[in-house]
Amino acid sequence: MMAGAIRKTYLAVVRGWMSEERLIDKPLGAVKDEALGRQGE
C-alpha cells in the first residue's frame, strides 16, 4: 500500500514538473495563443 501511494505521488510530481518545463520552454506568445485557442473551442 505504501509503495503504491509513493509511486502515485512520484508520478504526479514528475508529470507536474514535465508540464511546467514545457511551459517554460515555450515562448510566452505561444503560451498565450494556446490559452486563447482553448477559450475559443
N, C-alpha and C. Protein backbone atom coordinates (compact mmCIF):
# COMPACT_ATOMS: atom_id res chain seq x y z
N MET A 1 0.83 -1.21 0.00
CA MET A 1 0.00 0.00 0.00
C MET A 1 0.87 1.26 0.00
N MET A 2 1.85 1.30 0.89
CA MET A 2 2.70 2.49 0.96
C MET A 2 3.46 2.71 -0.34
N ALA A 3 4.01 1.63 -0.90
CA ALA A 3 4.78 1.75 -2.13
C ALA A 3 3.90 2.29 -3.26
N GLY A 4 2.65 1.84 -3.32
CA GLY A 4 1.73 2.31 -4.36
C GLY A 4 1.46 3.80 -4.22
N ALA A 5 1.28 4.25 -2.98
CA ALA A 5 1.00 5.67 -2.73
C ALA A 5 2.22 6.52 -3.10
N ILE A 6 3.38 6.04 -2.74
CA ILE A 6 4.62 6.77 -3.06
C ILE A 6 4.79 6.84 -4.57
N ARG A 7 4.50 5.73 -5.25
CA ARG A 7 4.65 5.70 -6.71
C ARG A 7 3.68 6.68 -7.37
N LYS A 8 2.45 6.72 -6.90
CA LYS A 8 1.45 7.65 -7.46
C LYS A 8 1.90 9.09 -7.25
N THR A 9 2.40 9.38 -6.05
CA THR A 9 2.87 10.74 -5.75
C THR A 9 4.04 11.10 -6.65
N TYR A 10 4.97 10.16 -6.81
CA TYR A 10 6.15 10.38 -7.66
C TYR A 10 5.73 10.67 -9.10
N LEU A 11 4.80 9.87 -9.62
CA LEU A 11 4.33 10.07 -11.00
C LEU A 11 3.66 11.43 -11.15
N ALA A 12 2.87 11.83 -10.15
CA ALA A 12 2.19 13.13 -10.19
C ALA A 12 3.22 14.26 -10.20
N VAL A 13 4.25 14.13 -9.40
CA VAL A 13 5.30 15.15 -9.33
C VAL A 13 6.04 15.23 -10.66
N VAL A 14 6.39 14.07 -11.22
CA VAL A 14 7.11 14.05 -12.49
C VAL A 14 6.25 14.67 -13.60
N ARG A 15 4.97 14.32 -13.64
CA ARG A 15 4.07 14.88 -14.65
C ARG A 15 3.97 16.39 -14.49
N GLY A 16 3.84 16.86 -13.25
CA GLY A 16 3.74 18.29 -12.99
C GLY A 16 5.02 19.01 -13.41
N TRP A 17 6.17 18.42 -13.09
CA TRP A 17 7.46 19.01 -13.46
C TRP A 17 7.61 19.08 -14.97
N MET A 18 7.21 18.01 -15.65
CA MET A 18 7.32 17.97 -17.11
C MET A 18 6.44 19.03 -17.75
N SER A 19 5.21 19.20 -17.26
CA SER A 19 4.30 20.19 -17.84
C SER A 19 4.83 21.60 -17.57
N GLU A 20 5.42 21.82 -16.39
CA GLU A 20 5.98 23.13 -16.08
C GLU A 20 7.18 23.42 -16.98
N GLU A 21 8.03 22.41 -17.19
CA GLU A 21 9.20 22.58 -18.06
C GLU A 21 8.75 22.93 -19.47
N ARG A 22 7.69 22.28 -19.94
CA ARG A 22 7.17 22.53 -21.28
C ARG A 22 6.71 23.98 -21.41
N LEU A 23 6.04 24.50 -20.37
CA LEU A 23 5.56 25.88 -20.40
C LEU A 23 6.73 26.85 -20.39
N ILE A 24 7.76 26.52 -19.62
CA ILE A 24 8.94 27.40 -19.54
C ILE A 24 9.67 27.42 -20.88
N ASP A 25 9.74 26.26 -21.55
CA ASP A 25 10.45 26.16 -22.82
C ASP A 25 9.74 26.92 -23.94
N LYS A 26 8.41 27.01 -23.86
CA LYS A 26 7.65 27.70 -24.91
C LYS A 26 7.84 29.21 -24.81
N PRO A 27 7.86 29.89 -25.94
CA PRO A 27 7.84 31.35 -25.88
C PRO A 27 6.52 31.81 -25.25
N LEU A 28 6.55 32.94 -24.58
CA LEU A 28 5.36 33.43 -23.88
C LEU A 28 4.20 33.62 -24.85
N GLY A 29 4.47 34.11 -26.05
CA GLY A 29 3.43 34.32 -27.05
C GLY A 29 2.71 33.03 -27.41
N ALA A 30 3.46 31.93 -27.52
CA ALA A 30 2.86 30.65 -27.88
C ALA A 30 1.94 30.17 -26.76
N VAL A 31 2.34 30.41 -25.52
CA VAL A 31 1.51 30.01 -24.38
C VAL A 31 0.21 30.81 -24.39
N LYS A 32 0.32 32.11 -24.66
CA LYS A 32 -0.88 32.96 -24.71
C LYS A 32 -1.80 32.53 -25.85
N ASP A 33 -1.22 32.26 -27.03
CA ASP A 33 -2.02 31.82 -28.18
C ASP A 33 -2.74 30.52 -27.86
N GLU A 34 -2.05 29.62 -27.19
CA GLU A 34 -2.65 28.32 -26.84
C GLU A 34 -3.81 28.52 -25.88
N ALA A 35 -3.63 29.41 -24.90
CA ALA A 35 -4.69 29.69 -23.93
C ALA A 35 -5.90 30.30 -24.63
N LEU A 36 -5.66 31.22 -25.55
CA LEU A 36 -6.75 31.85 -26.29
C LEU A 36 -7.45 30.82 -27.17
N GLY A 37 -6.68 29.92 -27.75
CA GLY A 37 -7.25 28.88 -28.60
C GLY A 37 -8.16 27.96 -27.80
N ARG A 38 -7.76 27.65 -26.56
CA ARG A 38 -8.58 26.79 -25.71
C ARG A 38 -9.90 27.47 -25.37
N GLN A 39 -9.85 28.78 -25.11
CA GLN A 39 -11.07 29.52 -24.77
C GLN A 39 -12.03 29.54 -25.95
N GLY A 40 -11.48 29.59 -27.18
CA GLY A 40 -12.31 29.67 -28.37
C GLY A 40 -13.03 28.37 -28.70
N GLU A 41 -12.51 27.25 -28.18
CA GLU A 41 -13.11 25.95 -28.52
C GLU A 41 -14.46 25.76 -27.87
